[in-house]
Amino acid sequence: MIIEYHRPQTIEDALALLARTEPVTLPLAGGSALNRPSAEAVAAVDLQSLGLDTISKRANYLDLSAMLTLQTLLDFFHSSVADDHVLQEAFKKAIQHEATYNLRQVATVAGTIVSAGGRSPFTTAMLALDASIRIVSASRKAEAEEIGLGDLLPFRTEMLRGRLITKVTIPLNTTLAYEYVARTPADLPIVCAAVSRWSSGRTRVALGGFGSEPVLAFDGPESGGVEAAAISAYSQAQDEWASANYRKEIAGILALRCLEQ
């Protein structure tokens, strides 16, 4: 339940509000998560006036401002990167699998990452890409902290208390493949795999479909051992949706399928 609403005009003002302990004060990004029914009384800090909705290419990187919507990002990949860019098709697939068109219009890059569960296709793809997160806080206004998405995900609640994500960066000098198994094409995955590979041979495998966040199953200088790593990562992944035996088998299959692409 939202008991206060604020719309600051500067990042400094937003950070001052988020630093409060009473009432609990949370950033309102697109609102797709914070507007869900809840008994907890919170103050909402609307970030729409902070100019955090841009996208820019920088050498071999793509900088995504925190408030960029998933639909705007999808439209960018449809029209503006490069016709032959090998990242975009798989990334578009993961974005479209994350949410319907209406939700993509409001869901933001940072908001999706912060609220993501283990079944988030978008966050799984971002983890495979080794996305980096830029975080600012009121106590360290002069210097922002850059942290890998894999280091942030398990500790989001603690690490983001009183702080703000301003930018997410992904590499453009890598390939990406994304595959999933779900009960229907529109459902979130029971198992999904995203595999990125650099020209150096470095390969990263992220798995989604289970738990509180996607997991990094493999990150190595070459692709040997990808299937075994995926199987091992989901060897205990049992819940009401699927058995661990099913998930580990499918994880290995999807990881190899992505690698072949």
Protein backbone atom coordinates (compact mmCIF):
# COMPACT_ATOMS: atom_id res chain seq x y z
CA MET A 1 0.00 0.00 0.00
CA ILE A 2 1.48 3.32 -1.09
CA ILE A 3 1.03 5.92 1.65
CA GLU A 4 3.24 8.67 0.17
CA TYR A 5 4.09 9.69 -3.38
CA HIS A 6 7.06 11.84 -4.39
CA ARG A 7 8.29 12.94 -7.80
CA PRO A 8 11.77 14.48 -7.33
CA GLN A 9 13.37 16.56 -10.05
CA THR A 10 16.99 15.58 -9.34
CA ILE A 11 18.85 12.38 -8.52
CA GLU A 12 20.10 14.01 -5.32
CA ASP A 13 16.54 14.64 -4.13
CA ALA A 14 15.56 11.09 -5.03
CA LEU A 15 18.50 9.67 -3.07
CA ALA A 16 17.63 11.78 -0.04
CA LEU A 17 14.13 10.30 -0.03
CA LEU A 18 15.38 6.75 -0.58
CA ALA A 19 17.81 7.10 2.33
CA ARG A 20 14.89 7.39 4.78
CA THR A 21 14.08 4.47 7.03
CA GLU A 22 10.61 5.69 8.06
CA PRO A 23 8.47 5.14 6.18
CA VAL A 24 10.05 2.48 3.99
CA THR A 25 10.75 4.35 0.76
CA LEU A 26 11.11 2.60 -2.58
CA PRO A 27 11.72 3.77 -6.15
CA LEU A 28 8.73 3.68 -8.46
CA ALA A 29 10.08 2.84 -11.88
CA GLY A 30 7.45 1.74 -14.37
CA GLY A 31 5.16 0.74 -11.51
CA SER A 32 4.59 -2.81 -12.73
CA ALA A 33 6.01 -4.22 -9.46
CA LEU A 34 5.33 -1.58 -6.79
CA ASN A 35 1.71 -1.13 -7.82
CA ARG A 36 0.89 -4.76 -7.08
CA PRO A 37 -1.41 -5.22 -4.07
CA SER A 38 0.55 -5.38 -0.80
CA ALA A 39 -0.18 -4.93 2.89
CA GLU A 40 3.17 -3.20 3.49
CA ALA A 41 2.97 0.58 3.84
CA VAL A 42 5.59 2.23 1.63
CA ALA A 43 6.46 5.64 0.21
CA ALA A 44 6.96 5.72 -3.55
CA VAL A 45 9.60 7.82 -5.29
CA ASP A 46 8.62 8.35 -8.91
CA LEU A 47 11.76 8.51 -11.08
CA GLN A 48 10.11 9.75 -14.29
CA SER A 49 11.52 13.29 -14.07
CA LEU A 50 15.18 12.27 -13.72
CA GLY A 51 15.98 11.78 -17.40
CA LEU A 52 16.92 8.14 -16.90
CA ASP A 53 15.28 6.86 -20.07
CA THR A 54 18.01 7.06 -22.70
CA ILE A 55 19.91 4.47 -24.71
CA SER A 56 23.32 5.03 -26.28
CA LYS A 57 26.05 3.07 -28.00
CA ARG A 58 29.59 3.52 -26.67
CA ALA A 59 32.32 1.64 -28.57
CA ASN A 60 31.49 -2.03 -27.96
CA TYR A 61 28.91 -1.32 -25.26
CA LEU A 62 25.28 -0.33 -25.04
CA ASP A 63 24.32 1.92 -22.13
CA LEU A 64 20.72 1.55 -20.98
CA SER A 65 19.40 4.13 -18.55
CA ALA A 66 17.48 2.64 -15.65
CA MET A 67 14.05 3.97 -16.64
CA LEU A 68 14.24 2.82 -20.25
CA THR A 69 11.18 0.68 -20.93
CA LEU A 70 11.46 -2.83 -22.29
CA GLN A 71 9.37 -1.85 -25.30
CA THR A 72 11.67 1.07 -26.14
CA LEU A 73 14.65 -1.28 -25.88
CA LEU A 74 12.91 -3.82 -28.11
CA ASP A 75 12.10 -1.12 -30.68
CA PHE A 76 15.74 -0.04 -30.63
CA PHE A 77 16.91 -3.54 -31.46
CA HIS A 78 14.33 -3.72 -34.22
CA SER A 79 15.61 -0.57 -35.91
CA SER A 80 18.86 0.95 -34.73
CA VAL A 81 21.72 -1.40 -33.85
CA ALA A 82 22.92 -3.04 -37.04
CA ASP A 83 21.18 -5.26 -39.54
CA ASP A 84 23.80 -7.98 -39.16
CA HIS A 85 24.27 -7.75 -35.42
CA VAL A 86 24.21 -11.25 -33.95
CA LEU A 87 23.13 -10.15 -30.48
CA GLN A 88 19.79 -8.67 -31.34
CA GLU A 89 17.59 -11.60 -32.42
CA ALA A 90 18.08 -13.62 -29.23
CA PHE A 91 17.82 -10.51 -27.07
CA LYS A 92 14.55 -9.52 -28.73
CA LYS A 93 13.26 -13.04 -28.11
CA ALA A 94 14.07 -12.78 -24.39
CA ILE A 95 12.47 -9.33 -24.07
CA GLN A 96 9.29 -10.48 -25.80
CA HIS A 97 9.15 -13.56 -23.59
CA GLU A 98 9.50 -11.43 -20.44
CA ALA A 99 6.21 -9.57 -20.74
CA THR A 100 3.26 -8.75 -22.96
CA TYR A 101 3.24 -5.62 -25.10
CA ASN A 102 1.20 -3.64 -22.57
CA LEU A 103 3.53 -4.52 -19.69
CA ARG A 104 6.62 -3.80 -21.80
CA GLN A 105 5.30 -0.26 -22.25
CA VAL A 106 5.72 0.42 -18.51
CA ALA A 107 8.25 -2.14 -17.24
CA THR A 108 11.75 -0.65 -17.09
CA VAL A 109 15.19 -2.17 -17.48
CA ALA A 110 16.24 -1.59 -13.86
CA GLY A 111 12.79 -2.28 -12.43
CA THR A 112 12.66 -5.64 -14.19
CA ILE A 113 16.06 -6.62 -12.84
CA VAL A 114 15.26 -5.51 -9.30
CA SER A 115 11.93 -7.35 -9.16
CA ALA A 116 12.96 -10.39 -11.23
CA GLY A 117 12.38 -13.89 -9.98
CA GLY A 118 14.20 -16.93 -11.25
CA ARG A 119 11.83 -17.25 -14.20
CA SER A 120 12.73 -13.90 -15.78
CA PRO A 121 13.89 -14.37 -19.42
CA PHE A 122 15.20 -10.80 -19.68
CA THR A 123 17.31 -11.06 -16.53
CA THR A 124 18.61 -14.47 -17.60
CA ALA A 125 19.80 -12.97 -20.89
CA MET A 126 21.35 -9.98 -19.11
CA LEU A 127 23.20 -12.33 -16.76
CA ALA A 128 24.59 -14.31 -19.70
CA LEU A 129 25.78 -11.03 -21.25
CA ASP A 130 27.64 -10.11 -18.05
CA ALA A 131 25.71 -6.86 -17.72
CA SER A 132 27.16 -4.27 -15.36
CA ILE A 133 25.05 -2.10 -13.09
CA ARG A 134 25.79 1.50 -12.11
CA ILE A 135 24.58 2.37 -8.61
CA VAL A 136 24.62 5.75 -6.84
CA SER A 137 23.92 6.60 -3.21
CA ALA A 138 23.46 9.76 -1.15
CA SER A 139 26.59 9.03 0.89
CA ARG A 140 28.79 8.64 -2.20
CA LYS A 141 27.36 11.13 -4.64
CA ALA A 142 30.74 11.89 -6.18
CA GLU A 143 31.48 8.33 -7.24
CA ALA A 144 29.16 5.70 -8.60
CA GLU A 145 29.71 2.02 -8.04
CA GLU A 146 29.85 -0.44 -10.92
CA ILE A 147 28.84 -3.98 -10.06
CA GLY A 148 28.24 -7.09 -12.12
CA LEU A 149 24.65 -8.26 -12.36
CA GLY A 150 25.63 -11.67 -11.02
CA ASP A 151 27.01 -10.05 -7.86
CA LEU A 152 23.89 -7.93 -7.40
CA LEU A 153 21.07 -10.40 -7.91
CA PRO A 154 21.36 -12.50 -4.72
CA PHE A 155 21.71 -9.39 -2.53
CA ARG A 156 19.39 -6.88 -4.20
CA THR A 157 17.40 -5.97 -1.11
CA GLU A 158 20.44 -5.19 1.03
CA MET A 159 22.63 -3.63 -1.67
CA LEU A 160 19.97 -1.31 -3.07
CA ARG A 161 18.58 -0.01 0.22
CA GLY A 162 18.84 3.78 0.00
CA ARG A 163 20.55 3.54 -3.37
CA LEU A 164 19.56 3.91 -6.98
CA ILE A 165 20.42 2.12 -10.22
CA THR A 166 21.05 4.71 -12.91
CA LYS A 167 22.44 2.65 -15.78
CA VAL A 168 22.82 -0.91 -17.06
CA THR A 169 25.54 -1.68 -19.61
CA ILE A 170 25.78 -4.69 -21.92
CA PRO A 171 28.51 -5.63 -24.41
CA LEU A 172 27.91 -5.54 -28.16
CA ASN A 173 30.97 -7.59 -29.12
CA THR A 174 29.41 -10.93 -28.25
CA THR A 175 26.88 -13.37 -29.67
CA LEU A 176 23.81 -14.46 -27.74
CA ALA A 177 21.36 -17.34 -27.98
CA TYR A 178 18.23 -17.85 -25.91
CA GLU A 179 16.04 -20.97 -25.67
CA TYR A 180 13.29 -22.05 -23.31
CA VAL A 181 10.73 -24.68 -22.42
CA ALA A 182 7.35 -23.61 -21.02
CA ARG A 183 3.89 -25.08 -20.66
CA THR A 184 2.66 -22.77 -23.42
CA PRO A 185 4.61 -20.29 -25.59
CA ALA A 186 3.13 -17.40 -23.59
CA ASP A 187 4.06 -18.79 -20.17
CA LEU A 188 7.22 -17.93 -18.28
CA PRO A 189 9.80 -20.69 -18.62
CA ILE A 190 10.06 -23.89 -16.66
CA VAL A 191 13.66 -23.83 -17.88
CA CYS A 192 15.41 -21.26 -20.04
CA ALA A 193 19.02 -20.91 -21.08
CA ALA A 194 20.94 -17.93 -22.42
CA VAL A 195 24.45 -18.40 -23.77
CA SER A 196 26.81 -15.62 -24.80
CA ARG A 197 30.14 -16.11 -26.52
CA TRP A 198 32.93 -13.67 -27.27
CA SER A 199 35.37 -13.87 -30.18
CA SER A 200 38.08 -14.81 -27.68
CA GLY A 201 36.14 -17.99 -26.92
CA ARG A 202 34.86 -16.85 -23.54
CA THR A 203 31.46 -18.42 -22.94
CA ARG A 204 28.82 -17.66 -20.31
CA VAL A 205 25.72 -19.75 -19.61
CA ALA A 206 22.82 -18.45 -17.51
CA LEU A 207 19.80 -20.51 -16.54
CA GLY A 208 16.33 -19.36 -15.56
CA GLY A 209 13.04 -20.98 -14.64
CA PHE A 210 13.63 -21.72 -10.97
CA GLY A 211 14.35 -20.05 -7.66
CA SER A 212 14.60 -16.43 -6.60
CA GLU A 213 16.88 -15.33 -9.45
CA PRO A 214 18.50 -16.71 -12.59
CA VAL A 215 21.86 -18.41 -12.01
CA LEU A 216 25.17 -18.30 -13.79
CA ALA A 217 25.99 -21.91 -14.62
CA PHE A 218 29.22 -21.40 -16.58
CA ASP A 219 31.80 -18.72 -17.34
CA GLY A 220 34.97 -19.94 -18.95
CA PRO A 221 37.62 -19.15 -21.57
CA GLU A 222 36.12 -21.76 -23.91
CA SER A 223 32.90 -23.75 -24.22
CA GLY A 224 34.06 -27.16 -23.01
CA GLY A 225 31.93 -28.42 -20.14
CA VAL A 226 28.87 -26.28 -20.83
CA GLU A 227 26.40 -29.17 -20.78
CA ALA A 228 27.76 -30.67 -17.56
CA ALA A 229 27.74 -27.25 -15.88
CA ALA A 230 24.12 -26.62 -16.83
CA ILE A 231 23.05 -30.04 -15.56
CA SER A 232 24.90 -29.51 -12.29
CA ALA A 233 23.46 -26.02 -11.77
CA TYR A 234 19.89 -27.36 -11.90
CA SER A 235 20.46 -30.72 -10.20
CA GLN A 236 18.40 -29.57 -7.18
CA ALA A 237 15.93 -27.34 -9.04
CA GLN A 238 12.66 -28.88 -7.93
CA ASP A 239 9.40 -27.06 -7.24
CA GLU A 240 5.72 -27.31 -8.00
CA TRP A 241 6.37 -26.70 -11.71
CA ALA A 242 8.91 -29.43 -12.44
CA SER A 243 11.18 -32.06 -10.91
CA ALA A 244 14.91 -31.57 -10.55
CA ASN A 245 15.56 -34.52 -12.88
CA TYR A 246 13.48 -32.91 -15.60
CA ARG A 247 15.04 -29.49 -15.16
CA LYS A 248 18.65 -30.66 -15.17
CA GLU A 249 18.09 -32.71 -18.32
CA ILE A 250 16.40 -29.83 -20.14
CA ALA A 251 19.02 -27.35 -18.91
CA GLY A 252 21.77 -29.40 -20.53
CA ILE A 253 19.82 -29.75 -23.77
CA LEU A 254 19.02 -26.03 -24.00
CA ALA A 255 22.58 -24.98 -23.18
CA LEU A 256 23.92 -27.14 -26.01
CA ARG A 257 21.21 -25.91 -28.37
CA CYS A 258 22.18 -22.31 -27.62
CA LEU A 259 25.85 -23.09 -28.07
CA GLU A 260 25.19 -24.63 -31.50
CA GLN A 261 23.49 -21.41 -32.58
